[in-house]
C-alpha cells in the first residue's frame, strides 16, 4: 500500500516521502492551489505549511509525530551529507571514488585499509570519525562531518597544488566554481557544470516566486 499524491498520479511507499514530493513537485501553495492532507480519506486542504502542520498535530497526531516536514532529526548536517552524496551522482560520478564509509571500525584500522588511496574521505560510524587521506597518509582527522571534510580537502588541493582525481573532476569543479567561486571562467566551464549552475539559478528564481516543480528532472 502506498501514499498517493492528490494532485498527480504519483504514489510513494512512505509517509515522509509524500511530504518531500509535495514540496518539490507542487511547491506553489497559496498561489495556484492548496496543499491537501496526506491522508487519503481526509478532504482538508491548506494554503500554508504552518496550517498544514497544525492540522496534522490536531487531527492526525500519529503522522505529526513521525513525519513532520520539520522533523528535528533532519539536521542541517545530515542534509548537507545527503546533498553532497547526491551531487556526485548528478554529475555522473561515483561518491565511492572519494568517500569510504565504515561502521564499527576503529580509526587505525581504517587508516590501514586506505593506504593505497590517493584521495579519500573516510566516514566512520560507531564510533564516529571523519578524516582525510592523501597518498595513503591520514592528514586530517576529527573533522566531524562530510561537508567540513570536503571543504578542507578542496583547500588542501589548492595549498598543496594537487590535481583533482580524474574520476571526480566534474564534482570538484562544482566545489571550486559553484561553492567557493574560484576560477569561475578559466578554463572554460564544462557543459555539465553550466547545466547545474543554470538549474540552481533557476531554482532560486522560481523559489522566490513560489514554484520549483520540474527543475531538476
N, C-alpha and C. Protein backbone atom coordinates (compact mmCIF):
# COMPACT_ATOMS: atom_id res chain seq x y z
N UNK A 1 0.85 -1.20 0.00
CA UNK A 1 0.00 0.00 0.00
C UNK A 1 0.87 1.24 0.00
N UNK A 2 0.60 2.17 -0.89
CA UNK A 2 1.39 3.39 -0.97
C UNK A 2 0.59 4.60 -0.53
N UNK A 3 1.26 5.75 -0.61
CA UNK A 3 0.63 7.03 -0.27
C UNK A 3 0.50 7.84 -1.55
N UNK A 4 -0.73 7.96 -2.08
CA UNK A 4 -0.91 8.65 -3.36
C UNK A 4 -0.94 10.16 -3.20
N UNK A 5 -0.36 10.84 -4.18
CA UNK A 5 -0.48 12.29 -4.24
C UNK A 5 -1.87 12.64 -4.74
N UNK A 6 -2.50 13.62 -4.11
CA UNK A 6 -3.84 14.03 -4.52
C UNK A 6 -3.83 15.03 -5.67
N UNK A 7 -2.64 15.46 -6.08
CA UNK A 7 -2.55 16.44 -7.16
C UNK A 7 -2.05 15.84 -8.46
N UNK A 8 -1.44 14.65 -8.38
CA UNK A 8 -0.98 13.96 -9.59
C UNK A 8 -1.10 12.46 -9.34
N UNK A 9 -0.55 11.66 -10.20
CA UNK A 9 -0.70 10.21 -10.08
C UNK A 9 0.44 9.55 -9.33
N UNK A 10 1.33 10.31 -8.76
CA UNK A 10 2.47 9.74 -8.06
C UNK A 10 2.03 8.99 -6.81
N UNK A 11 2.65 7.83 -6.58
CA UNK A 11 2.42 7.05 -5.37
C UNK A 11 3.77 6.74 -4.74
N UNK A 12 3.93 7.04 -3.46
CA UNK A 12 5.17 6.74 -2.75
C UNK A 12 4.86 5.73 -1.66
N UNK A 13 5.92 5.06 -1.16
CA UNK A 13 5.72 3.97 -0.22
C UNK A 13 5.71 4.42 1.24
N UNK A 14 6.32 5.56 1.53
CA UNK A 14 6.41 6.00 2.93
C UNK A 14 5.75 7.36 3.11
N UNK A 15 5.18 7.59 4.29
CA UNK A 15 4.51 8.85 4.56
C UNK A 15 5.45 10.03 4.38
N UNK A 16 6.67 9.89 4.92
CA UNK A 16 7.58 11.04 4.88
C UNK A 16 7.94 11.42 3.45
N UNK A 17 7.87 10.44 2.52
CA UNK A 17 8.20 10.75 1.13
C UNK A 17 7.13 11.60 0.46
N UNK A 18 5.89 11.52 0.97
CA UNK A 18 4.83 12.33 0.37
C UNK A 18 5.04 13.80 0.68
N UNK A 19 5.62 14.10 1.87
CA UNK A 19 5.96 15.49 2.19
C UNK A 19 6.98 16.03 1.19
N UNK A 20 8.01 15.23 0.96
CA UNK A 20 9.06 15.65 0.03
C UNK A 20 8.49 15.85 -1.37
N UNK A 21 7.62 14.94 -1.78
CA UNK A 21 7.01 15.04 -3.11
C UNK A 21 6.22 16.34 -3.25
N UNK A 22 5.40 16.67 -2.26
CA UNK A 22 4.60 17.89 -2.33
C UNK A 22 5.48 19.13 -2.38
N UNK A 23 6.56 19.14 -1.61
CA UNK A 23 7.44 20.31 -1.60
C UNK A 23 8.13 20.51 -2.95
N UNK A 24 8.61 19.40 -3.54
CA UNK A 24 9.40 19.51 -4.77
C UNK A 24 8.54 19.61 -6.02
N UNK A 25 7.43 18.91 -6.04
CA UNK A 25 6.62 18.85 -7.26
C UNK A 25 5.46 19.83 -7.27
N UNK A 26 4.99 20.20 -6.08
CA UNK A 26 3.81 21.07 -6.01
C UNK A 26 4.08 22.17 -4.99
N UNK A 27 5.12 22.94 -5.23
CA UNK A 27 5.57 23.91 -4.23
C UNK A 27 4.95 25.28 -4.35
N UNK A 28 3.77 25.41 -4.92
CA UNK A 28 3.16 26.73 -5.14
C UNK A 28 1.94 26.95 -4.26
N UNK A 29 2.00 26.45 -3.03
CA UNK A 29 0.86 26.57 -2.13
C UNK A 29 0.56 28.03 -1.86
N UNK A 30 -0.73 28.37 -1.89
CA UNK A 30 -1.13 29.75 -1.67
C UNK A 30 -1.13 30.56 -2.95
N UNK A 31 -0.65 29.98 -4.07
CA UNK A 31 -0.61 30.70 -5.34
C UNK A 31 -1.62 30.09 -6.32
N UNK A 32 -1.34 28.86 -6.75
CA UNK A 32 -2.23 28.26 -7.74
C UNK A 32 -3.13 27.18 -7.16
N UNK A 33 -2.72 26.56 -6.06
CA UNK A 33 -3.54 25.52 -5.45
C UNK A 33 -3.13 25.34 -4.00
N UNK A 34 -3.90 24.55 -3.29
CA UNK A 34 -3.65 24.31 -1.87
C UNK A 34 -2.97 22.97 -1.66
N UNK A 35 -2.44 22.79 -0.47
CA UNK A 35 -1.81 21.53 -0.09
C UNK A 35 -2.85 20.61 0.53
N UNK A 36 -3.10 19.43 -0.05
CA UNK A 36 -4.09 18.52 0.53
C UNK A 36 -3.48 17.73 1.69
N UNK A 37 -4.34 17.31 2.59
CA UNK A 37 -3.88 16.43 3.67
C UNK A 37 -3.36 15.14 3.06
N UNK A 38 -2.31 14.56 3.65
CA UNK A 38 -1.72 13.34 3.09
C UNK A 38 -2.62 12.12 3.28
N UNK A 39 -3.54 12.18 4.23
CA UNK A 39 -4.43 11.04 4.47
C UNK A 39 -5.52 11.00 3.40
N UNK A 40 -5.61 9.87 2.73
CA UNK A 40 -6.44 9.76 1.54
C UNK A 40 -7.92 10.01 1.84
N UNK A 41 -8.37 9.71 3.07
CA UNK A 41 -9.78 9.88 3.41
C UNK A 41 -10.08 11.25 4.01
N UNK A 42 -9.07 12.09 4.15
CA UNK A 42 -9.28 13.41 4.74
C UNK A 42 -9.44 14.44 3.62
N UNK A 43 -10.55 15.19 3.59
CA UNK A 43 -10.79 16.14 2.50
C UNK A 43 -10.16 17.51 2.71
N UNK A 44 -9.48 17.72 3.83
CA UNK A 44 -8.95 19.04 4.16
C UNK A 44 -7.82 19.45 3.22
N UNK A 45 -7.69 20.75 3.01
CA UNK A 45 -6.57 21.31 2.24
C UNK A 45 -6.16 22.62 2.88
N UNK A 46 -4.91 23.06 2.58
CA UNK A 46 -4.35 24.18 3.31
C UNK A 46 -3.55 25.09 2.39
N UNK A 47 -3.47 26.36 2.75
CA UNK A 47 -2.76 27.35 1.95
C UNK A 47 -1.31 27.52 2.39
N UNK A 48 -0.94 26.96 3.53
CA UNK A 48 0.43 27.13 4.02
C UNK A 48 0.87 25.88 4.77
N UNK A 49 2.21 25.72 4.90
CA UNK A 49 2.73 24.59 5.65
C UNK A 49 2.41 24.71 7.13
N UNK A 50 2.35 25.91 7.67
CA UNK A 50 2.07 26.07 9.10
C UNK A 50 0.66 25.59 9.44
N UNK A 51 -0.32 25.93 8.61
CA UNK A 51 -1.68 25.45 8.86
C UNK A 51 -1.78 23.95 8.63
N UNK A 52 -0.99 23.44 7.67
CA UNK A 52 -0.96 22.01 7.41
C UNK A 52 -0.41 21.25 8.62
N UNK A 53 0.69 21.77 9.21
CA UNK A 53 1.28 21.11 10.38
C UNK A 53 0.34 21.17 11.58
N UNK A 54 -0.35 22.28 11.73
CA UNK A 54 -1.32 22.40 12.83
C UNK A 54 -2.43 21.36 12.68
N UNK A 55 -2.87 21.15 11.44
CA UNK A 55 -3.90 20.15 11.18
C UNK A 55 -3.40 18.75 11.54
N UNK A 56 -2.18 18.41 11.15
CA UNK A 56 -1.63 17.10 11.47
C UNK A 56 -1.54 16.90 12.98
N UNK A 57 -1.06 17.93 13.66
CA UNK A 57 -0.91 17.84 15.11
C UNK A 57 -2.25 17.65 15.81
N UNK A 58 -3.27 18.30 15.30
CA UNK A 58 -4.59 18.27 15.94
C UNK A 58 -5.40 17.03 15.54
N UNK A 59 -5.41 16.71 14.24
CA UNK A 59 -6.31 15.67 13.75
C UNK A 59 -5.63 14.35 13.39
N UNK A 60 -4.32 14.41 13.14
CA UNK A 60 -3.57 13.18 12.80
C UNK A 60 -2.27 13.16 13.58
N UNK A 61 -2.32 13.06 14.91
CA UNK A 61 -1.09 13.16 15.71
C UNK A 61 -0.07 12.08 15.41
N UNK A 62 -0.52 10.90 14.94
CA UNK A 62 0.43 9.84 14.63
C UNK A 62 1.29 10.22 13.43
N UNK A 63 0.74 10.99 12.49
CA UNK A 63 1.53 11.45 11.34
C UNK A 63 2.45 12.58 11.74
N UNK A 64 1.98 13.47 12.59
CA UNK A 64 2.78 14.61 13.01
C UNK A 64 4.02 14.18 13.76
N UNK A 65 3.87 13.16 14.62
CA UNK A 65 4.97 12.78 15.49
C UNK A 65 6.11 12.14 14.74
N UNK A 66 5.80 11.52 13.59
CA UNK A 66 6.85 10.79 12.88
C UNK A 66 7.20 11.37 11.52
N UNK A 67 6.35 12.20 10.95
CA UNK A 67 6.53 12.56 9.55
C UNK A 67 6.45 14.04 9.27
N UNK A 68 6.61 14.87 10.28
CA UNK A 68 6.55 16.31 10.06
C UNK A 68 7.65 16.77 9.13
N UNK A 69 7.37 17.71 8.22
CA UNK A 69 8.43 18.28 7.39
C UNK A 69 9.53 18.93 8.21
N UNK A 70 9.22 19.29 9.46
CA UNK A 70 10.21 19.92 10.32
C UNK A 70 10.77 18.91 11.32
N UNK A 71 10.86 17.64 10.95
CA UNK A 71 11.38 16.60 11.83
C UNK A 71 12.75 17.02 12.36
N UNK A 72 12.92 17.11 13.70
CA UNK A 72 14.19 17.58 14.27
C UNK A 72 15.38 16.71 13.90
N UNK A 73 15.11 15.42 13.58
CA UNK A 73 16.23 14.54 13.25
C UNK A 73 16.86 14.89 11.91
N UNK A 74 16.12 15.62 11.07
CA UNK A 74 16.66 16.02 9.76
C UNK A 74 17.51 17.27 9.93
N UNK A 75 18.66 17.10 10.56
CA UNK A 75 19.52 18.24 10.87
C UNK A 75 20.20 18.78 9.63
N UNK A 76 20.74 19.97 9.76
CA UNK A 76 21.46 20.59 8.64
C UNK A 76 22.65 19.74 8.22
N UNK A 77 23.33 19.13 9.19
CA UNK A 77 24.50 18.30 8.87
C UNK A 77 24.09 17.11 8.02
N UNK A 78 23.00 16.46 8.38
CA UNK A 78 22.54 15.30 7.61
C UNK A 78 22.10 15.71 6.21
N UNK A 79 21.45 16.86 6.11
CA UNK A 79 21.01 17.34 4.81
C UNK A 79 22.21 17.63 3.90
N UNK A 80 23.25 18.24 4.48
CA UNK A 80 24.46 18.51 3.68
C UNK A 80 25.11 17.21 3.23
N UNK A 81 25.15 16.23 4.12
CA UNK A 81 25.74 14.93 3.79
C UNK A 81 25.02 14.31 2.60
N UNK A 82 23.70 14.27 2.66
CA UNK A 82 22.91 13.67 1.59
C UNK A 82 23.07 14.47 0.29
N UNK A 83 23.06 15.80 0.41
CA UNK A 83 23.20 16.65 -0.78
C UNK A 83 24.52 16.41 -1.48
N UNK A 84 25.60 16.32 -0.71
CA UNK A 84 26.91 16.08 -1.31
C UNK A 84 26.97 14.73 -2.00
N UNK A 85 26.43 13.71 -1.37
CA UNK A 85 26.46 12.38 -1.99
C UNK A 85 25.62 12.35 -3.26
N UNK A 86 24.50 13.05 -3.24
CA UNK A 86 23.67 13.12 -4.45
C UNK A 86 24.35 13.92 -5.56
N UNK A 87 25.16 14.90 -5.17
CA UNK A 87 25.86 15.71 -6.17
C UNK A 87 26.77 14.86 -7.04
N UNK A 88 27.49 13.92 -6.42
CA UNK A 88 28.35 13.03 -7.20
C UNK A 88 27.54 12.30 -8.27
N UNK A 89 26.41 11.76 -7.86
CA UNK A 89 25.57 11.01 -8.80
C UNK A 89 25.03 11.92 -9.90
N UNK A 90 24.62 13.12 -9.52
CA UNK A 90 24.07 14.05 -10.50
C UNK A 90 25.11 14.42 -11.55
N UNK A 91 26.36 14.53 -11.13
CA UNK A 91 27.43 14.88 -12.06
C UNK A 91 27.95 13.68 -12.84
N UNK A 92 27.32 12.52 -12.64
CA UNK A 92 27.71 11.33 -13.39
C UNK A 92 28.94 10.65 -12.85
N UNK A 93 29.26 10.88 -11.58
CA UNK A 93 30.43 10.29 -10.95
C UNK A 93 30.00 9.49 -9.72
N UNK A 94 30.94 8.77 -9.13
CA UNK A 94 30.61 7.90 -8.01
C UNK A 94 31.19 8.45 -6.71
N UNK A 95 30.34 8.60 -5.71
CA UNK A 95 30.81 9.07 -4.40
C UNK A 95 31.80 8.10 -3.78
N UNK A 96 31.71 6.83 -4.14
CA UNK A 96 32.61 5.83 -3.58
C UNK A 96 34.05 6.02 -4.04
N UNK A 97 34.26 6.79 -5.10
CA UNK A 97 35.62 7.11 -5.52
C UNK A 97 36.32 8.01 -4.50
N UNK A 98 35.55 8.72 -3.70
CA UNK A 98 36.13 9.64 -2.71
C UNK A 98 35.79 9.25 -1.28
N UNK A 99 34.55 8.84 -1.05
CA UNK A 99 34.06 8.62 0.31
C UNK A 99 34.08 7.13 0.65
N UNK A 100 34.74 6.80 1.75
CA UNK A 100 34.77 5.42 2.24
C UNK A 100 34.01 5.37 3.55
N UNK A 101 32.93 4.61 3.58
CA UNK A 101 32.08 4.51 4.77
C UNK A 101 32.41 3.25 5.55
N UNK A 102 32.46 3.40 6.88
CA UNK A 102 32.74 2.28 7.76
C UNK A 102 31.76 2.30 8.93
N UNK A 103 31.47 1.14 9.46
CA UNK A 103 30.62 1.03 10.65
C UNK A 103 31.26 0.05 11.61
N UNK A 104 31.51 0.50 12.83
CA UNK A 104 32.08 -0.37 13.85
C UNK A 104 33.57 -0.59 13.72
N UNK A 105 34.25 0.19 12.88
CA UNK A 105 35.70 0.04 12.68
C UNK A 105 36.45 1.15 13.42
N UNK A 106 37.55 0.79 14.07
CA UNK A 106 38.36 1.81 14.74
C UNK A 106 39.16 2.57 13.69
N UNK A 107 39.54 3.79 14.02
CA UNK A 107 40.16 4.68 13.03
C UNK A 107 41.49 4.15 12.53
N UNK A 108 42.27 3.52 13.40
CA UNK A 108 43.57 2.99 12.96
C UNK A 108 43.40 1.90 11.91
N UNK A 109 42.36 1.09 12.07
CA UNK A 109 42.08 0.05 11.08
C UNK A 109 41.69 0.66 9.74
N UNK A 110 40.92 1.74 9.79
CA UNK A 110 40.53 2.45 8.58
C UNK A 110 41.76 3.01 7.87
N UNK A 111 42.68 3.59 8.63
CA UNK A 111 43.91 4.14 8.04
C UNK A 111 44.69 3.05 7.30
N UNK A 112 44.78 1.87 7.91
CA UNK A 112 45.49 0.77 7.26
C UNK A 112 44.77 0.33 5.99
N UNK A 113 43.45 0.35 6.03
CA UNK A 113 42.66 -0.10 4.89
C UNK A 113 42.78 0.84 3.69
N UNK A 114 43.10 2.11 3.97
CA UNK A 114 43.13 3.12 2.91
C UNK A 114 44.54 3.52 2.50
N UNK A 115 45.51 2.70 2.82
CA UNK A 115 46.90 3.03 2.50
C UNK A 115 47.16 3.17 1.00
N UNK A 116 46.35 2.52 0.19
CA UNK A 116 46.54 2.57 -1.26
C UNK A 116 45.73 3.67 -1.92
N UNK A 117 45.02 4.48 -1.15
CA UNK A 117 44.18 5.54 -1.69
C UNK A 117 44.97 6.84 -1.82
N UNK A 118 44.87 7.49 -2.98
CA UNK A 118 45.49 8.80 -3.15
C UNK A 118 44.62 9.92 -2.57
N UNK A 119 43.33 9.84 -2.84
CA UNK A 119 42.36 10.82 -2.35
C UNK A 119 41.24 10.05 -1.66
N UNK A 120 40.98 10.33 -0.40
CA UNK A 120 39.87 9.65 0.26
C UNK A 120 39.40 10.42 1.48
N UNK A 121 38.11 10.43 1.67
CA UNK A 121 37.49 10.89 2.91
C UNK A 121 36.84 9.68 3.54
N UNK A 122 37.19 9.39 4.79
CA UNK A 122 36.55 8.26 5.47
C UNK A 122 35.52 8.78 6.48
N UNK A 123 34.40 8.08 6.51
CA UNK A 123 33.31 8.42 7.43
C UNK A 123 32.99 7.16 8.23
N UNK A 124 33.30 7.19 9.51
CA UNK A 124 33.09 6.04 10.39
C UNK A 124 31.88 6.27 11.28
N UNK A 125 31.14 5.21 11.52
CA UNK A 125 30.01 5.24 12.45
C UNK A 125 30.26 4.22 13.56
N UNK A 126 29.97 4.62 14.77
CA UNK A 126 30.05 3.73 15.93
C UNK A 126 31.41 3.05 16.05
N UNK A 127 32.46 3.74 16.43
CA UNK A 127 32.49 5.15 16.85
C UNK A 127 32.57 6.10 15.66
N UNK A 128 32.10 7.32 15.86
CA UNK A 128 32.08 8.32 14.79
C UNK A 128 33.46 8.93 14.59
N UNK A 129 33.86 9.03 13.33
CA UNK A 129 35.14 9.66 12.98
C UNK A 129 35.11 10.03 11.51
N UNK A 130 35.62 11.20 11.18
CA UNK A 130 35.70 11.65 9.79
C UNK A 130 37.10 12.22 9.58
N UNK A 131 37.75 11.81 8.48
CA UNK A 131 39.10 12.29 8.22
C UNK A 131 39.44 12.24 6.74
N UNK A 132 40.63 12.72 6.41
CA UNK A 132 41.10 12.80 5.03
C UNK A 132 42.39 12.02 4.87
N UNK A 133 42.46 11.26 3.78
CA UNK A 133 43.66 10.51 3.41
C UNK A 133 44.20 11.08 2.11
N UNK A 134 45.48 11.42 2.08
CA UNK A 134 46.16 11.85 0.85
C UNK A 134 47.38 10.98 0.63
N UNK A 135 47.43 10.36 -0.54
CA UNK A 135 48.53 9.47 -0.90
C UNK A 135 48.78 8.43 0.19
N UNK A 136 47.69 7.87 0.71
CA UNK A 136 47.78 6.81 1.69
C UNK A 136 48.06 7.24 3.11
N UNK A 137 48.20 8.54 3.33
CA UNK A 137 48.58 9.05 4.65
C UNK A 137 47.42 9.85 5.25
N UNK A 138 47.01 9.56 6.49
CA UNK A 138 45.98 10.38 7.14
C UNK A 138 46.53 11.76 7.47
N UNK A 139 45.96 12.79 6.87
CA UNK A 139 46.47 14.15 7.06
C UNK A 139 45.59 14.99 7.97
N UNK A 140 44.30 14.67 8.04
CA UNK A 140 43.39 15.39 8.94
C UNK A 140 42.40 14.38 9.52
N UNK A 141 42.07 14.58 10.80
CA UNK A 141 41.10 13.70 11.46
C UNK A 141 40.21 14.55 12.37
N UNK A 142 39.24 13.90 12.98
CA UNK A 142 38.30 14.59 13.89
C UNK A 142 37.61 15.77 13.19
N UNK A 143 37.19 15.56 11.95
CA UNK A 143 36.59 16.65 11.19
C UNK A 143 35.09 16.81 11.44
N UNK A 144 34.48 15.83 12.05
CA UNK A 144 33.09 15.99 12.47
C UNK A 144 32.04 15.57 11.47
N UNK A 145 32.17 16.00 10.22
CA UNK A 145 31.14 15.65 9.23
C UNK A 145 31.71 15.72 7.82
N UNK A 146 30.97 15.16 6.89
CA UNK A 146 31.42 15.06 5.50
C UNK A 146 31.57 16.41 4.84
N UNK A 147 30.63 17.33 5.09
CA UNK A 147 30.69 18.65 4.45
C UNK A 147 31.98 19.38 4.81
N UNK A 148 32.34 19.34 6.08
CA UNK A 148 33.58 20.01 6.51
C UNK A 148 34.80 19.33 5.88
N UNK A 149 34.77 18.01 5.80
CA UNK A 149 35.88 17.29 5.19
C UNK A 149 36.04 17.67 3.72
N UNK A 150 34.94 17.81 2.99
CA UNK A 150 35.02 18.21 1.58
C UNK A 150 35.60 19.61 1.43
N UNK A 151 35.19 20.52 2.31
CA UNK A 151 35.73 21.89 2.27
C UNK A 151 37.23 21.89 2.50
N UNK A 152 37.67 21.15 3.51
CA UNK A 152 39.10 21.13 3.83
C UNK A 152 39.90 20.40 2.76
N UNK A 153 39.31 19.37 2.17
CA UNK A 153 40.01 18.67 1.09
C UNK A 153 40.23 19.59 -0.10
N UNK A 154 39.22 20.39 -0.44
CA UNK A 154 39.39 21.34 -1.53
C UNK A 154 40.50 22.33 -1.20
N UNK A 155 40.55 22.80 0.05
CA UNK A 155 41.61 23.70 0.46
C UNK A 155 42.98 23.06 0.37
N UNK A 156 43.07 21.78 0.72
CA UNK A 156 44.35 21.08 0.64
C UNK A 156 44.82 20.94 -0.81
N UNK A 157 43.89 20.71 -1.73
CA UNK A 157 44.30 20.58 -3.13
C UNK A 157 44.93 21.88 -3.64
N UNK A 158 44.41 23.03 -3.17
CA UNK A 158 44.99 24.32 -3.55
C UNK A 158 46.31 24.55 -2.83
N UNK A 159 46.34 24.28 -1.53
CA UNK A 159 47.54 24.55 -0.74
C UNK A 159 48.72 23.69 -1.19
N UNK A 160 48.44 22.45 -1.58
CA UNK A 160 49.49 21.52 -1.98
C UNK A 160 49.63 21.41 -3.49
N UNK A 161 48.84 22.20 -4.23
CA UNK A 161 48.89 22.21 -5.70
C UNK A 161 48.68 20.80 -6.27
N UNK A 162 47.63 20.15 -5.80
CA UNK A 162 47.31 18.79 -6.23
C UNK A 162 46.31 18.81 -7.38
N UNK A 163 46.40 17.81 -8.22
CA UNK A 163 45.42 17.64 -9.29
C UNK A 163 44.16 16.99 -8.73
N UNK A 164 43.01 17.37 -9.28
CA UNK A 164 41.77 16.73 -8.87
C UNK A 164 41.78 15.27 -9.32
N UNK A 165 41.14 14.37 -8.57
CA UNK A 165 41.05 12.98 -9.02
C UNK A 165 40.36 12.92 -10.39
N UNK A 166 40.95 12.22 -11.36
CA UNK A 166 40.39 12.20 -12.72
C UNK A 166 38.93 11.75 -12.78
N UNK A 167 38.54 10.82 -11.92
CA UNK A 167 37.18 10.30 -11.95
C UNK A 167 36.20 11.18 -11.18
N UNK A 168 36.71 12.28 -10.60
CA UNK A 168 35.85 13.17 -9.81
C UNK A 168 35.99 14.62 -10.23
N UNK A 169 36.53 14.85 -11.41
CA UNK A 169 36.82 16.22 -11.83
C UNK A 169 35.56 17.08 -11.96
N UNK A 170 34.44 16.48 -12.36
CA UNK A 170 33.21 17.26 -12.52
C UNK A 170 32.67 17.71 -11.17
N UNK A 171 32.71 16.81 -10.18
CA UNK A 171 32.23 17.18 -8.85
C UNK A 171 33.13 18.23 -8.22
N UNK A 172 34.44 18.08 -8.37
CA UNK A 172 35.36 19.06 -7.81
C UNK A 172 35.23 20.41 -8.52
N UNK A 173 34.83 20.38 -9.78
CA UNK A 173 34.56 21.64 -10.47
C UNK A 173 33.40 22.38 -9.81
N UNK A 174 32.39 21.64 -9.37
CA UNK A 174 31.27 22.26 -8.65
C UNK A 174 31.76 22.81 -7.31
N UNK A 175 32.56 22.03 -6.58
CA UNK A 175 33.12 22.52 -5.31
C UNK A 175 33.84 23.85 -5.53
N UNK A 176 34.69 23.87 -6.56
CA UNK A 176 35.57 25.02 -6.80
C UNK A 176 34.79 26.23 -7.31
N UNK A 177 34.00 26.02 -8.34
CA UNK A 177 33.40 27.17 -9.03
C UNK A 177 32.06 27.60 -8.44
N UNK A 178 31.23 26.64 -8.07
CA UNK A 178 29.90 26.99 -7.58
C UNK A 178 29.90 27.27 -6.08
N UNK A 179 30.58 26.41 -5.30
CA UNK A 179 30.56 26.56 -3.85
C UNK A 179 31.51 27.63 -3.36
N UNK A 180 32.70 27.69 -3.96
CA UNK A 180 33.74 28.60 -3.47
C UNK A 180 33.89 29.84 -4.35
N UNK A 181 33.55 29.71 -5.65
CA UNK A 181 33.64 30.86 -6.55
C UNK A 181 35.03 31.16 -7.04
N UNK A 182 35.88 30.12 -7.17
CA UNK A 182 37.25 30.31 -7.64
C UNK A 182 37.36 29.94 -9.12
N UNK A 183 38.08 30.77 -9.88
CA UNK A 183 38.34 30.48 -11.30
C UNK A 183 37.06 30.09 -12.03
N UNK A 184 36.07 30.96 -11.95
CA UNK A 184 34.76 30.62 -12.49
C UNK A 184 34.71 30.56 -14.01
N UNK A 185 35.68 31.17 -14.69
CA UNK A 185 35.63 31.23 -16.15
C UNK A 185 36.83 30.58 -16.83
N UNK A 186 37.92 30.36 -16.12
CA UNK A 186 39.12 29.79 -16.73
C UNK A 186 39.57 28.55 -15.96
N UNK A 187 39.82 27.42 -16.63
CA UNK A 187 39.50 27.20 -18.05
C UNK A 187 37.99 27.18 -18.27
N UNK A 188 37.61 27.01 -19.51
CA UNK A 188 36.19 27.06 -19.86
C UNK A 188 35.40 26.03 -19.05
N UNK A 189 34.30 26.45 -18.41
CA UNK A 189 33.48 25.52 -17.63
C UNK A 189 32.93 24.39 -18.49
N UNK A 190 32.79 23.23 -17.89
CA UNK A 190 32.25 22.08 -18.61
C UNK A 190 30.74 22.24 -18.82
N UNK A 191 30.19 21.63 -19.86
CA UNK A 191 28.74 21.71 -20.10
C UNK A 191 27.92 21.20 -18.92
N UNK A 192 28.41 20.13 -18.27
CA UNK A 192 27.68 19.57 -17.13
C UNK A 192 27.60 20.58 -16.00
N UNK A 193 28.70 21.27 -15.75
CA UNK A 193 28.71 22.29 -14.70
C UNK A 193 27.76 23.43 -15.04
N UNK A 194 27.79 23.89 -16.28
CA UNK A 194 26.94 25.01 -16.67
C UNK A 194 25.46 24.64 -16.56
N UNK A 195 25.14 23.39 -16.89
CA UNK A 195 23.75 22.94 -16.76
C UNK A 195 23.31 23.01 -15.31
N UNK A 196 24.16 22.52 -14.40
CA UNK A 196 23.82 22.56 -12.98
C UNK A 196 23.73 24.00 -12.48
N UNK A 197 24.67 24.83 -12.88
CA UNK A 197 24.67 26.23 -12.44
C UNK A 197 23.38 26.93 -12.88
N UNK A 198 22.97 26.71 -14.11
CA UNK A 198 21.75 27.34 -14.61
C UNK A 198 20.51 26.83 -13.88
N UNK A 199 20.51 25.54 -13.54
CA UNK A 199 19.36 24.99 -12.82
C UNK A 199 19.30 25.52 -11.39
N UNK A 200 20.47 25.68 -10.76
CA UNK A 200 20.49 26.26 -9.41
C UNK A 200 19.99 27.70 -9.45
N UNK A 201 20.44 28.44 -10.46
CA UNK A 201 19.97 29.82 -10.61
C UNK A 201 18.46 29.86 -10.81
N UNK A 202 17.95 28.96 -11.65
CA UNK A 202 16.51 28.90 -11.90
C UNK A 202 15.76 28.50 -10.64
N UNK A 203 16.36 27.60 -9.86
CA UNK A 203 15.75 27.16 -8.61
C UNK A 203 15.48 28.34 -7.70
N UNK A 204 16.50 29.17 -7.49
CA UNK A 204 16.33 30.29 -6.57
C UNK A 204 15.39 31.36 -7.14
N UNK A 205 15.42 31.54 -8.44
CA UNK A 205 14.49 32.49 -9.04
C UNK A 205 13.05 32.02 -8.87
N UNK A 206 12.80 30.74 -9.13
CA UNK A 206 11.45 30.21 -9.02
C UNK A 206 11.01 30.07 -7.57
N UNK A 207 11.97 29.76 -6.69
CA UNK A 207 11.64 29.65 -5.27
C UNK A 207 11.12 30.97 -4.74
N UNK A 208 11.70 32.06 -5.21
CA UNK A 208 11.30 33.37 -4.71
C UNK A 208 9.88 33.75 -5.14
N UNK A 209 9.40 33.11 -6.23
CA UNK A 209 8.04 33.41 -6.68
C UNK A 209 7.08 32.26 -6.42
N UNK A 210 7.60 31.19 -5.75
CA UNK A 210 6.69 30.16 -5.25
C UNK A 210 6.54 28.90 -6.05
N UNK A 211 7.46 28.54 -6.95
CA UNK A 211 7.31 27.28 -7.67
C UNK A 211 8.62 26.73 -8.16
N UNK A 212 8.95 25.45 -7.80
CA UNK A 212 10.20 24.84 -8.23
C UNK A 212 9.96 23.52 -8.95
N UNK A 213 8.74 23.22 -9.29
CA UNK A 213 8.40 21.93 -9.87
C UNK A 213 9.12 21.69 -11.19
N UNK A 214 9.76 20.51 -11.29
CA UNK A 214 10.31 20.05 -12.56
C UNK A 214 11.70 20.55 -12.91
N UNK A 215 12.33 21.38 -12.08
CA UNK A 215 13.61 21.98 -12.46
C UNK A 215 14.70 20.94 -12.61
N UNK A 216 14.75 19.96 -11.69
CA UNK A 216 15.85 19.00 -11.71
C UNK A 216 15.46 17.68 -12.34
N UNK A 217 14.47 17.67 -13.17
CA UNK A 217 14.10 16.45 -13.88
C UNK A 217 15.06 16.20 -15.03
